[in-house]
PDB file of N, CA and C in Angstrom:
ATOM      1  N   UNK A   1      -6.149  -1.698  17.904  1.00  0.00           N
ATOM      2  CA  UNK A   1      -5.484  -0.948  17.030  1.00  0.00           C
ATOM      3  C   UNK A   1      -4.807   0.310  17.948  1.00  0.00           C
ATOM      4  N   UNK A   2      -3.748   0.779  17.962  1.00  0.00           N
ATOM      5  CA  UNK A   2      -3.082   1.963  18.919  1.00  0.00           C
ATOM      6  C   UNK A   2      -3.054   3.191  18.053  1.00  0.00           C
ATOM      7  N   UNK A   3      -2.940   4.058  18.848  1.00  0.00           N
ATOM      8  CA  UNK A   3      -3.003   5.318  17.961  1.00  0.00           C
ATOM      9  C   UNK A   3      -1.503   5.718  16.941  1.00  0.00           C
ATOM     10  N   UNK A   4      -0.570   5.012  17.327  1.00  0.00           N
ATOM     11  CA  UNK A   4       0.854   4.802  16.305  1.00  0.00           C
ATOM     12  C   UNK A   4       0.370   4.117  15.222  1.00  0.00           C
ATOM     13  N   UNK A   5      -0.736   3.449  14.971  1.00  0.00           N
ATOM     14  CA  UNK A   5      -0.975   2.381  13.891  1.00  0.00           C
ATOM     15  C   UNK A   5      -1.729   3.209  12.913  1.00  0.00           C
ATOM     16  N   UNK A   6      -3.062   3.587  13.774  1.00  0.00           N
ATOM     17  CA  UNK A   6      -4.044   4.578  13.204  1.00  0.00           C
ATOM     18  C   UNK A   6      -3.695   5.610  12.356  1.00  0.00           C
ATOM     19  N   UNK A   7      -2.353   6.262  13.036  1.00  0.00           N
ATOM     20  CA  UNK A   7      -1.584   7.435  12.129  1.00  0.00           C
ATOM     21  C   UNK A   7      -0.982   7.148  10.917  1.00  0.00           C
ATOM     22  N   UNK A   8      -0.417   6.255  11.342  1.00  0.00           N
ATOM     23  CA  UNK A   8       0.169   5.388  10.000  1.00  0.00           C
ATOM     24  C   UNK A   8      -0.728   5.114   8.960  1.00  0.00           C
ATOM     25  N   UNK A   9      -1.316   4.284   9.370  1.00  0.00           N
ATOM     26  CA  UNK A   9      -2.844   3.960   7.847  1.00  0.00           C
ATOM     27  C   UNK A   9      -3.073   5.364   7.464  1.00  0.00           C
ATOM     28  N   UNK A  10      -3.607   6.322   8.155  1.00  0.00           N
ATOM     29  CA  UNK A  10      -4.285   7.883   7.707  1.00  0.00           C
ATOM     30  C   UNK A  10      -3.165   8.171   6.919  1.00  0.00           C
ATOM     31  N   UNK A  11      -1.735   8.178   7.385  1.00  0.00           N
ATOM     32  CA  UNK A  11      -1.094   8.893   6.705  1.00  0.00           C
ATOM     33  C   UNK A  11      -0.812   8.319   4.962  1.00  0.00           C
ATOM     34  N   UNK A  12      -0.629   7.016   5.305  1.00  0.00           N
ATOM     35  CA  UNK A  12      -0.249   6.232   4.003  1.00  0.00           C
ATOM     36  C   UNK A  12      -1.627   6.174   2.784  1.00  0.00           C
ATOM     37  N   UNK A  13      -3.000   6.439   3.399  1.00  0.00           N
ATOM     38  CA  UNK A  13      -4.136   6.636   2.671  1.00  0.00           C
ATOM     39  C   UNK A  13      -4.077   7.670   2.368  1.00  0.00           C
ATOM     40  N   UNK A  14      -3.802   8.823   2.936  1.00  0.00           N
ATOM     41  CA  UNK A  14      -4.141  10.089   2.863  1.00  0.00           C
ATOM     42  C   UNK A  14      -3.708  10.881   1.624  1.00  0.00           C
ATOM     43  N   UNK A  15      -3.486  10.393   0.508  1.00  0.00           N
ATOM     44  CA  UNK A  15      -2.985  10.689  -0.584  1.00  0.00           C
ATOM     45  C   UNK A  15      -3.508  10.474  -1.785  1.00  0.00           C
ATOM     46  N   UNK A  16      -4.030  10.835  -2.627  1.00  0.00           N
ATOM     47  CA  UNK A  16      -4.429  10.583  -4.116  1.00  0.00           C
ATOM     48  C   UNK A  16      -4.031   9.057  -4.673  1.00  0.00           C
ATOM     49  N   UNK A  17      -2.581   9.164  -4.551  1.00  0.00           N
ATOM     50  CA  UNK A  17      -1.838   8.523  -5.314  1.00  0.00           C
ATOM     51  C   UNK A  17      -1.916   7.304  -4.534  1.00  0.00           C
ATOM     52  N   UNK A  18      -1.664   7.305  -3.150  1.00  0.00           N
ATOM     53  CA  UNK A  18      -1.892   6.063  -2.475  1.00  0.00           C
ATOM     54  C   UNK A  18      -3.216   5.458  -2.787  1.00  0.00           C
ATOM     55  N   UNK A  19      -4.271   6.024  -2.924  1.00  0.00           N
ATOM     56  CA  UNK A  19      -5.717   5.488  -2.790  1.00  0.00           C
ATOM     57  C   UNK A  19      -5.542   4.720  -4.296  1.00  0.00           C
ATOM     58  N   UNK A  20      -5.205   5.608  -5.315  1.00  0.00           N
ATOM     59  CA  UNK A  20      -5.108   4.612  -6.796  1.00  0.00           C
ATOM     60  C   UNK A  20      -4.229   3.284  -6.439  1.00  0.00           C
ATOM     61  N   UNK A  21      -3.102   3.448  -5.991  1.00  0.00           N
ATOM     62  CA  UNK A  21      -2.287   2.443  -5.768  1.00  0.00           C
ATOM     63  C   UNK A  21      -3.166   1.096  -5.257  1.00  0.00           C
ATOM     64  N   UNK A  22      -3.687   1.867  -4.256  1.00  0.00           N
ATOM     65  CA  UNK A  22      -4.688   0.608  -3.413  1.00  0.00           C
ATOM     66  C   UNK A  22      -5.625   0.199  -4.435  1.00  0.00           C
ATOM     67  N   UNK A  23      -6.148   1.194  -5.346  1.00  0.00           N
ATOM     68  CA  UNK A  23      -7.377   0.671  -6.373  1.00  0.00           C
ATOM     69  C   UNK A  23      -6.758  -0.594  -6.882  1.00  0.00           C
ATOM     70  N   UNK A  24      -5.970  -0.201  -7.561  1.00  0.00           N
ATOM     71  CA  UNK A  24      -5.149  -1.362  -8.619  1.00  0.00           C
ATOM     72  C   UNK A  24      -5.006  -2.607  -7.971  1.00  0.00           C
ATOM     73  N   UNK A  25      -4.153  -2.326  -6.603  1.00  0.00           N
ATOM     74  CA  UNK A  25      -3.861  -3.698  -6.168  1.00  0.00           C
ATOM     75  C   UNK A  25      -5.189  -4.155  -5.867  1.00  0.00           C
ATOM     76  N   UNK A  26      -6.157  -3.821  -5.373  1.00  0.00           N
ATOM     77  CA  UNK A  26      -7.468  -4.212  -5.253  1.00  0.00           C
ATOM     78  C   UNK A  26      -7.809  -5.414  -6.448  1.00  0.00           C
ATOM     79  N   UNK A  27      -7.789  -5.103  -7.225  1.00  0.00           N
ATOM     80  CA  UNK A  27      -8.021  -5.946  -8.741  1.00  0.00           C
ATOM     81  C   UNK A  27      -6.961  -7.002  -8.747  1.00  0.00           C
ATOM     82  N   UNK A  28      -5.748  -7.036  -7.832  1.00  0.00           N
ATOM     83  CA  UNK A  28      -5.153  -8.361  -7.915  1.00  0.00           C
ATOM     84  C   UNK A  28      -3.542  -7.688  -8.303  1.00  0.00           C
ATOM     85  N   UNK A  29      -2.864  -8.700  -7.878  1.00  0.00           N
ATOM     86  CA  UNK A  29      -1.343  -8.153  -7.675  1.00  0.00           C
ATOM     87  C   UNK A  29      -0.375  -7.668  -8.842  1.00  0.00           C
ATOM     88  N   UNK A  30       0.489  -6.921  -8.609  1.00  0.00           N
ATOM     89  CA  UNK A  30       1.243  -6.413  -9.730  1.00  0.00           C
ATOM     90  C   UNK A  30       2.656  -6.269  -9.469  1.00  0.00           C
ATOM     91  N   UNK A  31       3.486  -5.993 -10.269  1.00  0.00           N
ATOM     92  CA  UNK A  31       5.043  -6.248 -10.061  1.00  0.00           C
ATOM     93  C   UNK A  31       5.331  -4.549 -10.252  1.00  0.00           C
ATOM     94  N   UNK A  32       6.288  -3.974  -9.846  1.00  0.00           N
ATOM     95  CA  UNK A  32       6.616  -2.371  -9.618  1.00  0.00           C
ATOM     96  C   UNK A  32       5.981  -1.627 -11.256  1.00  0.00           C
ATOM     97  N   UNK A  33       7.059  -1.919 -12.111  1.00  0.00           N
ATOM     98  CA  UNK A  33       6.640  -0.990 -13.165  1.00  0.00           C
ATOM     99  C   UNK A  33       5.628  -1.088 -13.629  1.00  0.00           C
ATOM    100  N   UNK A  34       5.054  -2.442 -13.749  1.00  0.00           N
ATOM    101  CA  UNK A  34       3.310  -2.611 -14.295  1.00  0.00           C
ATOM    102  C   UNK A  34       2.421  -1.726 -13.529  1.00  0.00           C
ATOM    103  N   UNK A  35       3.018  -1.863 -12.261  1.00  0.00           N
ATOM    104  CA  UNK A  35       2.174  -0.759 -10.857  1.00  0.00           C
ATOM    105  C   UNK A  35       1.866   0.560 -11.134  1.00  0.00           C
ATOM    106  N   UNK A  36       3.322   1.301 -11.551  1.00  0.00           N
ATOM    107  CA  UNK A  36       3.173   2.216 -11.623  1.00  0.00           C
ATOM    108  C   UNK A  36       2.591   3.039 -12.896  1.00  0.00           C
ATOM    109  N   UNK A  37       3.060   2.087 -14.470  1.00  0.00           N
ATOM    110  CA  UNK A  37       2.160   2.169 -15.417  1.00  0.00           C
ATOM    111  C   UNK A  37       0.477   2.139 -15.428  1.00  0.00           C
ATOM    112  N   UNK A  38       0.063   1.527 -14.544  1.00  0.00           N
ATOM    113  CA  UNK A  38      -1.405   1.000 -14.235  1.00  0.00           C
ATOM    114  C   UNK A  38      -1.451   2.255 -13.030  1.00  0.00           C
ATOM    115  N   UNK A  39      -0.707   2.726 -12.328  1.00  0.00           N
ATOM    116  CA  UNK A  39      -1.267   4.101 -11.445  1.00  0.00           C
ATOM    117  C   UNK A  39      -1.213   5.185 -12.200  1.00  0.00           C
ATOM    118  N   UNK A  40      -0.401   5.382 -12.988  1.00  0.00           N
ATOM    119  CA  UNK A  40       0.090   6.721 -13.892  1.00  0.00           C
ATOM    120  C   UNK A  40       0.606   7.739 -13.288  1.00  0.00           C
ATOM    121  N   UNK A  41       1.995   6.765 -12.853  1.00  0.00           N
ATOM    122  CA  UNK A  41       2.725   7.922 -11.751  1.00  0.00           C
ATOM    123  C   UNK A  41       4.243   6.892 -12.072  1.00  0.00           C
ATOM    124  N   UNK A  42       5.062   8.051 -11.925  1.00  0.00           N
ATOM    125  CA  UNK A  42       6.547   7.388 -11.993  1.00  0.00           C
ATOM    126  C   UNK A  42       6.904   6.155 -10.734  1.00  0.00           C
ATOM    127  N   UNK A  43       7.729   5.663 -10.825  1.00  0.00           N
ATOM    128  CA  UNK A  43       8.602   4.390 -10.365  1.00  0.00           C
ATOM    129  C   UNK A  43       8.732   5.016  -8.734  1.00  0.00           C
ATOM    130  N   UNK A  44       9.967   6.228  -9.192  1.00  0.00           N
ATOM    131  CA  UNK A  44      10.016   6.713  -8.109  1.00  0.00           C
ATOM    132  C   UNK A  44       9.034   7.033  -6.702  1.00  0.00           C
ATOM    133  N   UNK A  45       7.881   7.808  -6.937  1.00  0.00           N
ATOM    134  CA  UNK A  45       6.932   8.167  -6.477  1.00  0.00           C
ATOM    135  C   UNK A  45       5.944   6.905  -6.152  1.00  0.00           C
ATOM    136  N   UNK A  46       5.697   6.033  -7.017  1.00  0.00           N
ATOM    137  CA  UNK A  46       5.090   4.945  -6.638  1.00  0.00           C
ATOM    138  C   UNK A  46       5.808   4.115  -5.227  1.00  0.00           C
ATOM    139  N   UNK A  47       7.303   3.903  -5.583  1.00  0.00           N
ATOM    140  CA  UNK A  47       8.088   3.412  -4.369  1.00  0.00           C
ATOM    141  C   UNK A  47       7.748   4.034  -3.208  1.00  0.00           C
ATOM    142  N   UNK A  48       8.030   5.451  -3.389  1.00  0.00           N
ATOM    143  CA  UNK A  48       7.610   6.083  -1.797  1.00  0.00           C
ATOM    144  C   UNK A  48       6.177   5.687  -1.182  1.00  0.00           C
ATOM    145  N   UNK A  49       5.256   5.783  -2.215  1.00  0.00           N
ATOM    146  CA  UNK A  49       3.806   5.343  -1.507  1.00  0.00           C
ATOM    147  C   UNK A  49       3.730   4.046  -1.122  1.00  0.00           C
ATOM    148  N   UNK A  50       4.700   3.126  -1.904  1.00  0.00           N
ATOM    149  CA  UNK A  50       4.379   1.885  -1.603  1.00  0.00           C
ATOM    150  C   UNK A  50       4.933   1.538  -0.301  1.00  0.00           C
ATOM    151  N   UNK A  51       6.040   2.168   0.261  1.00  0.00           N
ATOM    152  CA  UNK A  51       6.666   2.016   1.573  1.00  0.00           C
ATOM    153  C   UNK A  51       5.859   2.148   2.486  1.00  0.00           C
ATOM    154  N   UNK A  52       5.005   3.582   2.589  1.00  0.00           N
ATOM    155  CA  UNK A  52       4.029   4.154   3.439  1.00  0.00           C
ATOM    156  C   UNK A  52       3.172   2.932   3.489  1.00  0.00           C
ATOM    157  N   UNK A  53       2.596   2.312   2.549  1.00  0.00           N
ATOM    158  CA  UNK A  53       1.282   1.334   2.667  1.00  0.00           C
ATOM    159  C   UNK A  53       2.141   0.164   3.179  1.00  0.00           C
ATOM    160  N   UNK A  54       3.127  -0.320   3.131  1.00  0.00           N
ATOM    161  CA  UNK A  54       3.694  -1.548   3.757  1.00  0.00           C
ATOM    162  C   UNK A  54       3.923  -1.355   5.123  1.00  0.00           C
ATOM    163  N   UNK A  55       4.324   0.070   5.431  1.00  0.00           N
ATOM    164  CA  UNK A  55       4.830  -0.160   6.845  1.00  0.00           C
ATOM    165  C   UNK A  55       3.313   0.051   7.758  1.00  0.00           C
ATOM    166  N   UNK A  56       2.397   0.413   6.927  1.00  0.00           N
ATOM    167  CA  UNK A  56       1.228   0.305   7.611  1.00  0.00           C
ATOM    168  C   UNK A  56       0.442  -0.768   7.729  1.00  0.00           C
ATOM    169  N   UNK A  57       0.989  -1.537   6.754  1.00  0.00           N
ATOM    170  CA  UNK A  57       0.750  -3.189   7.153  1.00  0.00           C
ATOM    171  C   UNK A  57      -0.673  -3.344   5.953  1.00  0.00           C
ATOM    172  N   UNK A  58      -0.978  -2.556   5.257  1.00  0.00           N
ATOM    173  CA  UNK A  58      -1.882  -2.315   4.092  1.00  0.00           C
ATOM    174  C   UNK A  58      -1.564  -3.013   2.565  1.00  0.00           C
ATOM    175  N   UNK A  59      -0.366  -3.279   2.419  1.00  0.00           N
ATOM    176  CA  UNK A  59       0.328  -3.892   0.889  1.00  0.00           C
ATOM    177  C   UNK A  59       1.696  -4.579   1.475  1.00  0.00           C
ATOM    178  N   UNK A  60       1.789  -5.909   1.075  1.00  0.00           N
ATOM    179  CA  UNK A  60       2.864  -7.045   1.312  1.00  0.00           C
ATOM    180  C   UNK A  60       3.263  -7.131  -0.095  1.00  0.00           C
ATOM    181  N   UNK A  61       4.813  -7.627   0.046  1.00  0.00           N
ATOM    182  CA  UNK A  61       5.284  -8.042  -1.431  1.00  0.00           C
ATOM    183  C   UNK A  61       5.840  -9.235  -1.200  1.00  0.00           C
ATOM    184  N   UNK A  62       6.197  -9.387  -2.308  1.00  0.00           N
ATOM    185  CA  UNK A  62       7.112 -10.711  -2.358  1.00  0.00           C
ATOM    186  C   UNK A  62       7.969 -10.727  -3.868  1.00  0.00           C
ATOM    187  N   UNK A  63       9.371 -11.060  -3.615  1.00  0.00           N
ATOM    188  CA  UNK A  63      10.175 -11.321  -4.629  1.00  0.00           C
ATOM    189  C   UNK A  63       9.900 -12.596  -5.331  1.00  0.00           C
ATOM    190  N   UNK A  64      10.054 -12.612  -6.728  1.00  0.00           N
ATOM    191  CA  UNK A  64      10.054 -13.820  -7.019  1.00  0.00           C
ATOM    192  C   UNK A  64      11.055 -14.085  -8.277  1.00  0.00           C
ATOM    193  N   UNK A  65      11.644 -15.139  -8.395  1.00  0.00           N
ATOM    194  CA  UNK A  65      12.818 -15.591  -9.398  1.00  0.00           C
ATOM    195  C   UNK A  65      12.298 -16.100 -10.487  1.00  0.00           C
ATOM    196  N   UNK A  66      12.741 -15.891 -11.784  1.00  0.00           N
ATOM    197  CA  UNK A  66      12.462 -16.213 -12.995  1.00  0.00           C
ATOM    198  C   UNK A  66      13.980 -16.493 -13.419  1.00  0.00           C
ATOM    199  N   UNK A  67      13.614 -17.281 -14.774  1.00  0.00           N
ATOM    200  CA  UNK A  67      14.868 -17.932 -15.503  1.00  0.00           C
ATOM    201  C   UNK A  67      15.167 -16.867 -16.498  1.00  0.00           C
ATOM    202  N   UNK A  68      14.482 -15.843 -16.950  1.00  0.00           N
ATOM    203  CA  UNK A  68      14.867 -15.187 -17.894  1.00  0.00           C
ATOM    204  C   UNK A  68      14.773 -13.514 -17.496  1.00  0.00           C
ATOM    205  N   UNK A  69      15.987 -12.736 -17.972  1.00  0.00           N
ATOM    206  CA  UNK A  69      15.881 -11.411 -17.687  1.00  0.00           C
ATOM    207  C   UNK A  69      14.330 -10.914 -17.702  1.00  0.00           C
ATOM    208  N   UNK A  70      14.065  -9.942 -16.933  1.00  0.00           N
ATOM    209  CA  UNK A  70      14.713  -9.746 -15.581  1.00  0.00           C
ATOM    210  C   UNK A  70      14.674 -10.957 -14.500  1.00  0.00           C
ATOM    211  N   UNK A  71      15.805 -11.259 -13.920  1.00  0.00           N
ATOM    212  CA  UNK A  71      15.821 -12.402 -13.172  1.00  0.00           C
ATOM    213  C   UNK A  71      14.584 -12.528 -12.126  1.00  0.00           C
ATOM    214  N   UNK A  72      14.657 -11.158 -11.609  1.00  0.00           N
ATOM    215  CA  UNK A  72      13.791 -11.233 -10.269  1.00  0.00           C
ATOM    216  C   UNK A  72      12.892 -10.052 -10.471  1.00  0.00           C
ATOM    217  N   UNK A  73      11.593  -9.949  -9.837  1.00  0.00           N
ATOM    218  CA  UNK A  73      10.573  -8.989  -9.858  1.00  0.00           C
ATOM    219  C   UNK A  73      10.184  -9.130  -8.524  1.00  0.00           C
ATOM    220  N   UNK A  74       9.560  -7.810  -8.007  1.00  0.00           N
ATOM    221  CA  UNK A  74       9.258  -8.122  -6.598  1.00  0.00           C
ATOM    222  C   UNK A  74       7.624  -7.435  -6.986  1.00  0.00           C
ATOM    223  N   UNK A  75       6.749  -8.408  -6.481  1.00  0.00           N
ATOM    224  CA  UNK A  75       5.157  -8.016  -6.867  1.00  0.00           C
ATOM    225  C   UNK A  75       4.517  -7.519  -5.557  1.00  0.00           C
ATOM    226  N   UNK A  76       3.696  -6.822  -5.819  1.00  0.00           N
ATOM    227  CA  UNK A  76       2.911  -6.350  -4.548  1.00  0.00           C
ATOM    228  C   UNK A  76       1.504  -6.717  -4.393  1.00  0.00           C
ATOM    229  N   UNK A  77       0.780  -6.808  -3.368  1.00  0.00           N
ATOM    230  CA  UNK A  77      -0.731  -7.004  -3.303  1.00  0.00           C
ATOM    231  C   UNK A  77      -1.233  -6.353  -2.120  1.00  0.00           C
ATOM    232  N   UNK A  78      -2.346  -6.254  -2.121  1.00  0.00           N
ATOM    233  CA  UNK A  78      -3.225  -5.147  -1.144  1.00  0.00           C
ATOM    234  C   UNK A  78      -3.501  -6.418  -0.171  1.00  0.00           C
ATOM    235  N   UNK A  79      -3.642  -5.942   1.213  1.00  0.00           N
ATOM    236  CA  UNK A  79      -4.009  -6.776   2.019  1.00  0.00           C
ATOM    237  C   UNK A  79      -5.299  -6.416   2.644  1.00  0.00           C
ATOM    238  N   UNK A  80      -6.412  -7.282   2.833  1.00  0.00           N
ATOM    239  CA  UNK A  80      -7.881  -6.748   3.199  1.00  0.00           C
ATOM    240  C   UNK A  80      -7.546  -6.199   4.461  1.00  0.00           C
ATOM    241  N   UNK A  81      -8.354  -5.281   4.791  1.00  0.00           N
ATOM    242  CA  UNK A  81      -8.807  -4.347   6.027  1.00  0.00           C
ATOM    243  C   UNK A  81      -9.727  -3.290   5.499  1.00  0.00           C
ATOM    244  N   UNK A  82     -10.343  -3.436   6.946  1.00  0.00           N
ATOM    245  CA  UNK A  82     -11.572  -2.524   6.911  1.00  0.00           C
ATOM    246  C   UNK A  82     -11.239  -1.406   8.097  1.00  0.00           C
ATOM    247  N   UNK A  83     -11.385   0.060   7.504  1.00  0.00           N
ATOM    248  CA  UNK A  83     -11.127   1.073   8.453  1.00  0.00           C
ATOM    249  C   UNK A  83     -12.285   2.061   9.000  1.00  0.00           C
ATOM    250  N   UNK A  84     -13.041   1.628  10.085  1.00  0.00           N
ATOM    251  CA  UNK A  84     -14.250   2.508  10.235  1.00  0.00           C
ATOM    252  C   UNK A  84     -13.887   3.352  11.602  1.00  0.00           C
ATOM    253  N   UNK A  85     -14.043   4.696  11.323  1.00  0.00           N
ATOM    254  CA  UNK A  85     -13.486   5.655  12.431  1.00  0.00           C
ATOM    255  C   UNK A  85     -14.319   6.721  12.445  1.00  0.00           C
ATOM    256  N   UNK A  86     -14.485   6.975  13.693  1.00  0.00           N
ATOM    257  CA  UNK A  86     -15.588   8.146  14.132  1.00  0.00           C
ATOM    258  C   UNK A  86     -14.958   8.993  15.445  1.00  0.00           C
ATOM    259  N   UNK A  87     -15.396   9.431  15.877  1.00  0.00           N
ATOM    260  CA  UNK A  87     -15.238  10.516  17.165  1.00  0.00           C
ATOM    261  C   UNK A  87     -14.879   9.607  18.243  1.00  0.00           C
ATOM    262  N   UNK A  88     -16.059   9.002  18.356  1.00  0.00           N
ATOM    263  CA  UNK A  88     -15.638   7.891  19.413  1.00  0.00           C
ATOM    264  C   UNK A  88     -14.594   7.039  19.453  1.00  0.00           C
ATOM    265  N   UNK A  89     -14.484   6.519  18.429  1.00  0.00           N
ATOM    266  CA  UNK A  89     -13.166   5.622  17.706  1.00  0.00           C
ATOM    267  C   UNK A  89     -12.009   6.072  18.263  1.00  0.00           C
ATOM    268  N   UNK A  90     -12.286   7.258  17.879  1.00  0.00           N
ATOM    269  CA  UNK A  90     -10.161   7.968  18.328  1.00  0.00           C
ATOM    270  C   UNK A  90     -10.604   8.168  19.834  1.00  0.00           C
ATOM    271  N   UNK A  91     -11.746   8.406  20.594  1.00  0.00           N
ATOM    272  CA  UNK A  91     -11.408   8.886  22.081  1.00  0.00           C
ATOM    273  C   UNK A  91     -11.006   7.176  22.618  1.00  0.00           C
ATOM    274  N   UNK A  92     -11.577   6.187  22.343  1.00  0.00           N
ATOM    275  CA  UNK A  92     -11.223   4.899  22.869  1.00  0.00           C
ATOM    276  C   UNK A  92     -10.029   4.453  22.331  1.00  0.00           C
ATOM    277  N   UNK A  93      -9.248   4.791  21.127  1.00  0.00           N
ATOM    278  CA  UNK A  93      -8.034   4.721  20.986  1.00  0.00           C
ATOM    279  C   UNK A  93      -6.913   5.676  21.618  1.00  0.00           C
ATOM    280  N   UNK A  94      -7.673   6.443  22.069  1.00  0.00           N
ATOM    281  CA  UNK A  94      -6.719   7.171  22.585  1.00  0.00           C
ATOM    282  C   UNK A  94      -6.284   7.404  24.056  1.00  0.00           C
ATOM    283  N   UNK A  95      -7.808   7.440  24.557  1.00  0.00           N
ATOM    284  CA  UNK A  95      -7.636   7.292  26.087  1.00  0.00           C
ATOM    285  C   UNK A  95      -7.309   8.175  26.963  1.00  0.00           C
TER     286      UNK A  95
END
């Protein structure tokens, strides 16, 4: 892991809404409006946090097509990760 990726991960997870979204996605994949409802936040706020989480590699999405309206839905799922951070780990990353 490099310092740019670590900063992106910490930035993405450094908000209670992001942590709530990750908690919901840890239980299984959800599509946008369903995820916003479960997380108790507006869709615009949800998509702001999802973008950060996706850019940090913590969440992935997939567009699925259906025969009835709405014809497409974007589903999100959490990617498994482990983050162990200590002063010595930061020293190792920064060098």
